[in-house]
Amino acid sequence: MPTYTVKQGDHLSSIAHDAGFSGIDTIWNHPNNADLKTRRKNPNVLFPGDSLFIPDHQDKSVPGATRRRHRFRVKRPKLALRIVLEDNDETPLANLTCTLEVDNDSHSLTTSAAGLIEQKIEPDDKQARLLFPDPDLPFQREIPIKIGNLDPIDTPSGQVARLTNLGYFLGDPDKPDKMDVRSAVEEFQCNHTLPVDGKCGPATQAKLKEIHGC
C-alpha cells in the first residue's frame, strides 16, 4: 500500500489512471486520504508534495457458466475540459470558432453564449492547444493549456496562475515579480469591490476562485 507524492501536473484522475484504477473514488474516499480531501476539496487541484495513499487493488469475482466465452467491459470515465473566454471587461466571447488540440486529437469547437467550450478528454492527457483561425482577434491566436497544473487557491503559485488566466498578471508566472503580483492583486480587488491592499487574503482568494471558476 504505497504513498504517492504529487508532482507538478498531476491530478487525481491521471494518478488513478497510472495506478490502474478506472476512477478516482477508491483512492479519494479512502480513510487514509481524509486529511488531504479536507484540505484540497477538489481532487483535480492538488499541490506538488501532497502525499496520497494508493490502496491495493481488490479482487472482484463475477459468476459465469463454465465452458462459455464471457465478455467484460471496464468503464473508463473521461474528464471534461472546460474553458471560458472573455474580453478585458469580463464579457463572454461568444460564437468564436476554434480548434482544440489535445495530445494527438483535434476538435473543432465554437464558444457558447457564455464563452464556454467543453470537451471530453482522457484521464492521462497532459497538454493541449487552443487555436483561433481569425487573424483579427484581440488576443494571441494560439493558447497553450497545461492540464492538471493549476495549484490550490491558498498557494502563491495558485493565485498567480488564476490572475494570469484572468488577464491581471502579465509577467512570467513561473518567476513572478512580487511588485507585479501585488499590482495584479490590487487591480483585481479594485474591479471586484474588495478592500485594496495588494494582499491575497481569504476574502480575495474566495473571490478569485469564484471568478476563475475553480
C-alpha atoms as a PDB file:
ATOM      1  CA  MET A   1       0.000   0.000   0.000  1.00  0.00           C
ATOM      2  CA  PRO A   2       2.319   2.787  -1.213  1.00  0.00           C
ATOM      3  CA  THR A   3       2.114   6.528  -0.680  1.00  0.00           C
ATOM      4  CA  TYR A   4       2.399   8.657  -3.791  1.00  0.00           C
ATOM      5  CA  THR A   5       3.954  12.138  -3.743  1.00  0.00           C
ATOM      6  CA  VAL A   6       2.133  14.525  -6.063  1.00  0.00           C
ATOM      7  CA  LYS A   7       4.208  16.169  -8.806  1.00  0.00           C
ATOM      8  CA  GLN A   8       3.500  19.308 -10.825  1.00  0.00           C
ATOM      9  CA  GLY A   9       0.925  18.490 -13.497  1.00  0.00           C
ATOM     10  CA  ASP A  10      -0.652  15.654 -11.506  1.00  0.00           C
ATOM     11  CA  HIS A  11      -4.368  15.489 -10.841  1.00  0.00           C
ATOM     12  CA  LEU A  12      -6.190  12.617  -9.217  1.00  0.00           C
ATOM     13  CA  SER A  13      -7.663  11.266 -12.450  1.00  0.00           C
ATOM     14  CA  SER A  14      -4.202  10.931 -14.000  1.00  0.00           C
ATOM     15  CA  ILE A  15      -2.775   9.388 -10.814  1.00  0.00           C
ATOM     16  CA  ALA A  16      -5.636   6.879 -10.593  1.00  0.00           C
ATOM     17  CA  HIS A  17      -5.226   6.002 -14.268  1.00  0.00           C
ATOM     18  CA  ASP A  18      -1.495   5.362 -13.859  1.00  0.00           C
ATOM     19  CA  ALA A  19      -2.182   3.236 -10.767  1.00  0.00           C
ATOM     20  CA  GLY A  20      -4.601   1.042 -12.719  1.00  0.00           C
ATOM     21  CA  PHE A  21      -7.899   2.341 -11.324  1.00  0.00           C
ATOM     22  CA  SER A  22     -10.827   3.105 -13.629  1.00  0.00           C
ATOM     23  CA  GLY A  23     -11.934   6.072 -11.493  1.00  0.00           C
ATOM     24  CA  ILE A  24     -10.859   8.226  -8.558  1.00  0.00           C
ATOM     25  CA  ASP A  25     -13.352   7.186  -5.864  1.00  0.00           C
ATOM     26  CA  THR A  26     -11.409   4.236  -4.439  1.00  0.00           C
ATOM     27  CA  ILE A  27      -8.406   6.478  -3.792  1.00  0.00           C
ATOM     28  CA  TRP A  28     -10.113   9.779  -2.928  1.00  0.00           C
ATOM     29  CA  ASN A  29     -12.603   8.252  -0.494  1.00  0.00           C
ATOM     30  CA  HIS A  30     -10.063   6.062   1.314  1.00  0.00           C
ATOM     31  CA  PRO A  31      -9.845   6.935   5.064  1.00  0.00           C
ATOM     32  CA  ASN A  32      -6.075   7.437   4.769  1.00  0.00           C
ATOM     33  CA  ASN A  33      -6.716  10.351   2.403  1.00  0.00           C
ATOM     34  CA  ALA A  34      -9.346  12.048   4.579  1.00  0.00           C
ATOM     35  CA  ASP A  35      -6.995  14.847   5.672  1.00  0.00           C
ATOM     36  CA  LEU A  36      -5.896  15.614   2.111  1.00  0.00           C
ATOM     37  CA  LYS A  37      -9.524  15.533   0.946  1.00  0.00           C
ATOM     38  CA  THR A  38     -10.434  18.073   3.643  1.00  0.00           C
ATOM     39  CA  ARG A  39      -7.545  20.384   2.740  1.00  0.00           C
ATOM     40  CA  ARG A  40      -7.771  20.246  -1.053  1.00  0.00           C
ATOM     41  CA  LYS A  41     -11.508  19.578  -1.580  1.00  0.00           C
ATOM     42  CA  ASN A  42     -11.068  19.404  -5.363  1.00  0.00           C
ATOM     43  CA  PRO A  43      -9.299  16.152  -6.364  1.00  0.00           C
ATOM     44  CA  ASN A  44      -8.132  17.721  -9.613  1.00  0.00           C
ATOM     45  CA  VAL A  45      -6.412  20.667  -7.897  1.00  0.00           C
ATOM     46  CA  LEU A  46      -3.595  19.121  -5.895  1.00  0.00           C
ATOM     47  CA  PHE A  47      -0.228  20.602  -4.925  1.00  0.00           C
ATOM     48  CA  PRO A  48       3.290  19.236  -5.553  1.00  0.00           C
ATOM     49  CA  GLY A  49       4.455  17.475  -2.408  1.00  0.00           C
ATOM     50  CA  ASP A  50       0.979  16.347  -1.301  1.00  0.00           C
ATOM     51  CA  SER A  51       1.009  12.742  -0.076  1.00  0.00           C
ATOM     52  CA  LEU A  52      -1.676  10.490  -1.493  1.00  0.00           C
ATOM     53  CA  PHE A  53      -2.340   6.989  -0.217  1.00  0.00           C
ATOM     54  CA  ILE A  54      -2.823   4.442  -3.017  1.00  0.00           C
ATOM     55  CA  PRO A  55      -4.739   1.367  -1.769  1.00  0.00           C
ATOM     56  CA  ASP A  56      -4.179  -2.129  -3.083  1.00  0.00           C
ATOM     57  CA  HIS A  57      -6.438  -3.381  -5.826  1.00  0.00           C
ATOM     58  CA  GLN A  58      -9.255  -5.574  -4.563  1.00  0.00           C
ATOM     59  CA  ASP A  59     -10.162  -8.799  -6.333  1.00  0.00           C
ATOM     60  CA  LYS A  60     -13.661  -8.972  -7.741  1.00  0.00           C
ATOM     61  CA  SER A  61     -15.459 -12.155  -8.737  1.00  0.00           C
ATOM     62  CA  VAL A  62     -18.260 -12.362 -11.277  1.00  0.00           C
ATOM     63  CA  PRO A  63     -20.316 -15.552 -11.720  1.00  0.00           C
ATOM     64  CA  GLY A  64     -20.351 -17.149 -15.150  1.00  0.00           C
ATOM     65  CA  ALA A  65     -21.128 -20.509 -16.689  1.00  0.00           C
ATOM     66  CA  THR A  66     -18.180 -22.784 -17.425  1.00  0.00           C
ATOM     67  CA  ARG A  67     -17.124 -23.680 -20.969  1.00  0.00           C
ATOM     68  CA  ARG A  68     -18.564 -20.455 -22.313  1.00  0.00           C
ATOM     69  CA  ARG A  69     -16.970 -17.273 -23.545  1.00  0.00           C
ATOM     70  CA  HIS A  70     -17.650 -14.181 -21.438  1.00  0.00           C
ATOM     71  CA  ARG A  71     -17.015 -10.563 -22.367  1.00  0.00           C
ATOM     72  CA  PHE A  72     -16.280  -7.950 -19.723  1.00  0.00           C
ATOM     73  CA  ARG A  73     -16.190  -4.192 -20.202  1.00  0.00           C
ATOM     74  CA  VAL A  74     -14.374  -1.797 -17.914  1.00  0.00           C
ATOM     75  CA  LYS A  75     -15.945   1.633 -17.614  1.00  0.00           C
ATOM     76  CA  ARG A  76     -13.263   4.286 -18.014  1.00  0.00           C
ATOM     77  CA  PRO A  77     -14.776   7.703 -17.317  1.00  0.00           C
ATOM     78  CA  LYS A  78     -13.420  10.672 -19.243  1.00  0.00           C
ATOM     79  CA  LEU A  79     -12.718  14.156 -17.932  1.00  0.00           C
ATOM     80  CA  ALA A  80     -14.399  17.351 -19.068  1.00  0.00           C
ATOM     81  CA  LEU A  81     -12.002  20.136 -20.080  1.00  0.00           C
ATOM     82  CA  ARG A  82     -13.874  23.446 -19.748  1.00  0.00           C
ATOM     83  CA  ILE A  83     -12.517  26.812 -20.882  1.00  0.00           C
ATOM     84  CA  VAL A  84     -14.309  30.166 -20.739  1.00  0.00           C
ATOM     85  CA  LEU A  85     -13.137  33.006 -22.991  1.00  0.00           C
ATOM     86  CA  GLU A  86     -13.824  36.617 -22.002  1.00  0.00           C
ATOM     87  CA  ASP A  87     -12.565  40.044 -23.044  1.00  0.00           C
ATOM     88  CA  ASN A  88     -10.852  42.528 -20.718  1.00  0.00           C
ATOM     89  CA  ASP A  89     -14.240  43.628 -19.372  1.00  0.00           C
ATOM     90  CA  GLU A  90     -15.151  40.017 -18.499  1.00  0.00           C
ATOM     91  CA  THR A  91     -17.707  39.940 -21.313  1.00  0.00           C
ATOM     92  CA  PRO A  92     -18.019  36.407 -22.768  1.00  0.00           C
ATOM     93  CA  LEU A  93     -16.581  35.906 -26.240  1.00  0.00           C
ATOM     94  CA  ALA A  94     -19.483  34.086 -27.877  1.00  0.00           C
ATOM     95  CA  ASN A  95     -19.640  32.170 -31.166  1.00  0.00           C
ATOM     96  CA  LEU A  96     -15.886  32.039 -31.709  1.00  0.00           C
ATOM     97  CA  THR A  97     -14.660  29.233 -33.927  1.00  0.00           C
ATOM     98  CA  CYS A  98     -11.584  27.462 -32.602  1.00  0.00           C
ATOM     99  CA  THR A  99      -9.677  24.207 -32.700  1.00  0.00           C
ATOM    100  CA  LEU A 100      -8.715  22.351 -29.534  1.00  0.00           C
ATOM    101  CA  GLU A 101      -5.744  20.032 -29.910  1.00  0.00           C
ATOM    102  CA  VAL A 102      -5.321  17.548 -27.051  1.00  0.00           C
ATOM    103  CA  ASP A 103      -2.283  15.319 -27.470  1.00  0.00           C
ATOM    104  CA  ASN A 104      -2.994  13.613 -30.816  1.00  0.00           C
ATOM    105  CA  ASP A 105      -6.690  14.543 -31.047  1.00  0.00           C
ATOM    106  CA  SER A 106      -8.116  17.640 -32.749  1.00  0.00           C
ATOM    107  CA  HIS A 107     -11.602  19.051 -32.101  1.00  0.00           C
ATOM    108  CA  SER A 108     -13.400  21.855 -33.966  1.00  0.00           C
ATOM    109  CA  LEU A 109     -15.438  23.846 -31.456  1.00  0.00           C
ATOM    110  CA  THR A 110     -17.476  27.042 -31.131  1.00  0.00           C
ATOM    111  CA  THR A 111     -17.809  29.013 -27.922  1.00  0.00           C
ATOM    112  CA  SER A 112     -21.268  29.211 -26.373  1.00  0.00           C
ATOM    113  CA  ALA A 113     -23.147  32.407 -25.480  1.00  0.00           C
ATOM    114  CA  ALA A 114     -21.264  32.277 -22.178  1.00  0.00           C
ATOM    115  CA  GLY A 115     -17.910  31.983 -23.974  1.00  0.00           C
ATOM    116  CA  LEU A 116     -17.607  28.336 -22.950  1.00  0.00           C
ATOM    117  CA  ILE A 117     -16.065  25.427 -24.778  1.00  0.00           C
ATOM    118  CA  GLU A 118     -16.175  21.941 -23.312  1.00  0.00           C
ATOM    119  CA  GLN A 119     -14.534  18.749 -24.498  1.00  0.00           C
ATOM    120  CA  LYS A 120     -14.202  15.240 -23.091  1.00  0.00           C
ATOM    121  CA  ILE A 121     -10.559  14.207 -22.659  1.00  0.00           C
ATOM    122  CA  GLU A 122      -8.682  11.164 -21.417  1.00  0.00           C
ATOM    123  CA  PRO A 123      -7.553  10.965 -17.755  1.00  0.00           C
ATOM    124  CA  ASP A 124      -3.890  10.894 -18.756  1.00  0.00           C
ATOM    125  CA  ASP A 125      -3.976  13.865 -21.162  1.00  0.00           C
ATOM    126  CA  LYS A 126      -1.421  16.490 -20.123  1.00  0.00           C
ATOM    127  CA  GLN A 127      -1.105  19.123 -22.842  1.00  0.00           C
ATOM    128  CA  ALA A 128      -3.499  20.979 -25.124  1.00  0.00           C
ATOM    129  CA  ARG A 129      -3.534  23.952 -27.508  1.00  0.00           C
ATOM    130  CA  LEU A 130      -6.407  26.258 -28.371  1.00  0.00           C
ATOM    131  CA  LEU A 131      -6.108  27.675 -31.906  1.00  0.00           C
ATOM    132  CA  PHE A 132      -8.102  30.507 -33.488  1.00  0.00           C
ATOM    133  CA  PRO A 133      -8.240  30.980 -37.282  1.00  0.00           C
ATOM    134  CA  ASP A 134      -9.400  34.619 -37.193  1.00  0.00           C
ATOM    135  CA  PRO A 135      -6.306  36.890 -37.528  1.00  0.00           C
ATOM    136  CA  ASP A 136      -8.217  39.951 -36.285  1.00  0.00           C
ATOM    137  CA  LEU A 137      -8.896  38.667 -32.785  1.00  0.00           C
ATOM    138  CA  PRO A 138      -7.575  40.955 -29.998  1.00  0.00           C
ATOM    139  CA  PHE A 139      -5.540  38.184 -28.371  1.00  0.00           C
ATOM    140  CA  GLN A 140      -2.974  35.568 -29.339  1.00  0.00           C
ATOM    141  CA  ARG A 141      -4.135  33.020 -31.890  1.00  0.00           C
ATOM    142  CA  GLU A 142      -2.568  30.068 -30.057  1.00  0.00           C
ATOM    143  CA  ILE A 143      -3.112  29.466 -26.338  1.00  0.00           C
ATOM    144  CA  PRO A 144      -1.186  26.619 -24.644  1.00  0.00           C
ATOM    145  CA  ILE A 145      -3.023  24.706 -21.928  1.00  0.00           C
ATOM    146  CA  LYS A 146      -1.315  22.698 -19.192  1.00  0.00           C
ATOM    147  CA  ILE A 147      -3.849  20.171 -17.926  1.00  0.00           C
ATOM    148  CA  GLY A 148      -3.569  19.497 -14.188  1.00  0.00           C
ATOM    149  CA  ASN A 149      -1.085  22.307 -13.495  1.00  0.00           C
ATOM    150  CA  LEU A 150      -3.424  24.581 -11.515  1.00  0.00           C
ATOM    151  CA  ASP A 151      -2.301  24.778  -7.878  1.00  0.00           C
ATOM    152  CA  PRO A 152      -4.685  25.306  -4.920  1.00  0.00           C
ATOM    153  CA  ILE A 153      -6.026  28.825  -4.312  1.00  0.00           C
ATOM    154  CA  ASP A 154      -4.279  29.141  -0.937  1.00  0.00           C
ATOM    155  CA  THR A 155      -0.812  28.863  -2.545  1.00  0.00           C
ATOM    156  CA  PRO A 156       1.036  31.809  -4.149  1.00  0.00           C
ATOM    157  CA  SER A 157       1.519  29.851  -7.379  1.00  0.00           C
ATOM    158  CA  GLY A 158      -2.203  29.050  -7.498  1.00  0.00           C
ATOM    159  CA  GLN A 159      -3.070  32.715  -7.027  1.00  0.00           C
ATOM    160  CA  VAL A 160      -0.649  33.866  -9.731  1.00  0.00           C
ATOM    161  CA  ALA A 161      -1.970  31.222 -12.153  1.00  0.00           C
ATOM    162  CA  ARG A 162      -5.563  32.400 -11.701  1.00  0.00           C
ATOM    163  CA  LEU A 163      -4.596  36.056 -12.004  1.00  0.00           C
ATOM    164  CA  THR A 164      -2.707  35.170 -15.195  1.00  0.00           C
ATOM    165  CA  ASN A 165      -5.636  33.249 -16.659  1.00  0.00           C
ATOM    166  CA  LEU A 166      -7.927  36.194 -15.929  1.00  0.00           C
ATOM    167  CA  GLY A 167      -5.555  38.668 -17.578  1.00  0.00           C
ATOM    168  CA  TYR A 168      -4.445  40.545 -14.449  1.00  0.00           C
ATOM    169  CA  PHE A 169      -0.874  39.267 -14.152  1.00  0.00           C
ATOM    170  CA  LEU A 170       1.156  39.757 -17.329  1.00  0.00           C
ATOM    171  CA  GLY A 171       4.603  38.708 -16.095  1.00  0.00           C
ATOM    172  CA  ASP A 172       6.279  35.307 -16.006  1.00  0.00           C
ATOM    173  CA  PRO A 173       4.052  33.059 -13.828  1.00  0.00           C
ATOM    174  CA  ASP A 174       6.982  30.703 -13.218  1.00  0.00           C
ATOM    175  CA  LYS A 175       9.158  33.554 -11.860  1.00  0.00           C
ATOM    176  CA  PRO A 176       6.670  36.192 -10.672  1.00  0.00           C
ATOM    177  CA  ASP A 177       7.934  39.573  -9.528  1.00  0.00           C
ATOM    178  CA  LYS A 178       6.479  40.486  -6.120  1.00  0.00           C
ATOM    179  CA  MET A 179       5.557  44.014  -7.138  1.00  0.00           C
ATOM    180  CA  ASP A 180       3.876  42.792 -10.331  1.00  0.00           C
ATOM    181  CA  VAL A 181       1.843  40.305  -8.308  1.00  0.00           C
ATOM    182  CA  ARG A 182       0.846  42.978  -5.805  1.00  0.00           C
ATOM    183  CA  SER A 183      -0.242  45.277  -8.635  1.00  0.00           C
ATOM    184  CA  ALA A 184      -2.310  42.475 -10.202  1.00  0.00           C
ATOM    185  CA  VAL A 185      -3.988  41.714  -6.870  1.00  0.00           C
ATOM    186  CA  GLU A 186      -4.781  45.402  -6.340  1.00  0.00           C
ATOM    187  CA  GLU A 187      -6.354  45.665  -9.793  1.00  0.00           C
ATOM    188  CA  PHE A 188      -8.419  42.540  -9.168  1.00  0.00           C
ATOM    189  CA  GLN A 189      -9.561  43.845  -5.784  1.00  0.00           C
ATOM    190  CA  CYS A 190     -10.498  47.199  -7.287  1.00  0.00           C
ATOM    191  CA  ASN A 191     -12.571  45.551 -10.021  1.00  0.00           C
ATOM    192  CA  HIS A 192     -14.481  43.389  -7.553  1.00  0.00           C
ATOM    193  CA  THR A 193     -15.207  45.867  -4.742  1.00  0.00           C
ATOM    194  CA  LEU A 194     -12.743  44.326  -2.300  1.00  0.00           C
ATOM    195  CA  PRO A 195     -10.519  46.243   0.137  1.00  0.00           C
ATOM    196  CA  VAL A 196      -7.476  47.231  -1.938  1.00  0.00           C
ATOM    197  CA  ASP A 197      -4.356  46.194  -0.028  1.00  0.00           C
ATOM    198  CA  GLY A 198      -2.470  44.136  -2.619  1.00  0.00           C
ATOM    199  CA  LYS A 199      -2.623  41.058  -0.387  1.00  0.00           C
ATOM    200  CA  CYS A 200      -4.342  37.864  -1.486  1.00  0.00           C
ATOM    201  CA  GLY A 201      -6.047  37.116   1.828  1.00  0.00           C
ATOM    202  CA  PRO A 202      -9.028  34.827   2.441  1.00  0.00           C
ATOM    203  CA  ALA A 203     -11.656  37.213   1.014  1.00  0.00           C
ATOM    204  CA  THR A 204      -9.617  37.899  -2.122  1.00  0.00           C
ATOM    205  CA  GLN A 205      -8.853  34.189  -2.505  1.00  0.00           C
ATOM    206  CA  ALA A 206     -12.541  33.333  -2.289  1.00  0.00           C
ATOM    207  CA  LYS A 207     -13.487  35.945  -4.916  1.00  0.00           C
ATOM    208  CA  LEU A 208     -10.580  34.932  -7.164  1.00  0.00           C
ATOM    209  CA  LYS A 209     -11.647  31.293  -7.008  1.00  0.00           C
ATOM    210  CA  GLU A 210     -15.261  32.273  -7.714  1.00  0.00           C
ATOM    211  CA  ILE A 211     -14.422  34.423 -10.762  1.00  0.00           C
ATOM    212  CA  HIS A 212     -11.895  31.920 -12.107  1.00  0.00           C
ATOM    213  CA  GLY A 213     -14.326  29.033 -11.689  1.00  0.00           C
ATOM    214  CA  CYS A 214     -12.140  26.725  -9.601  1.00  0.00           C
END
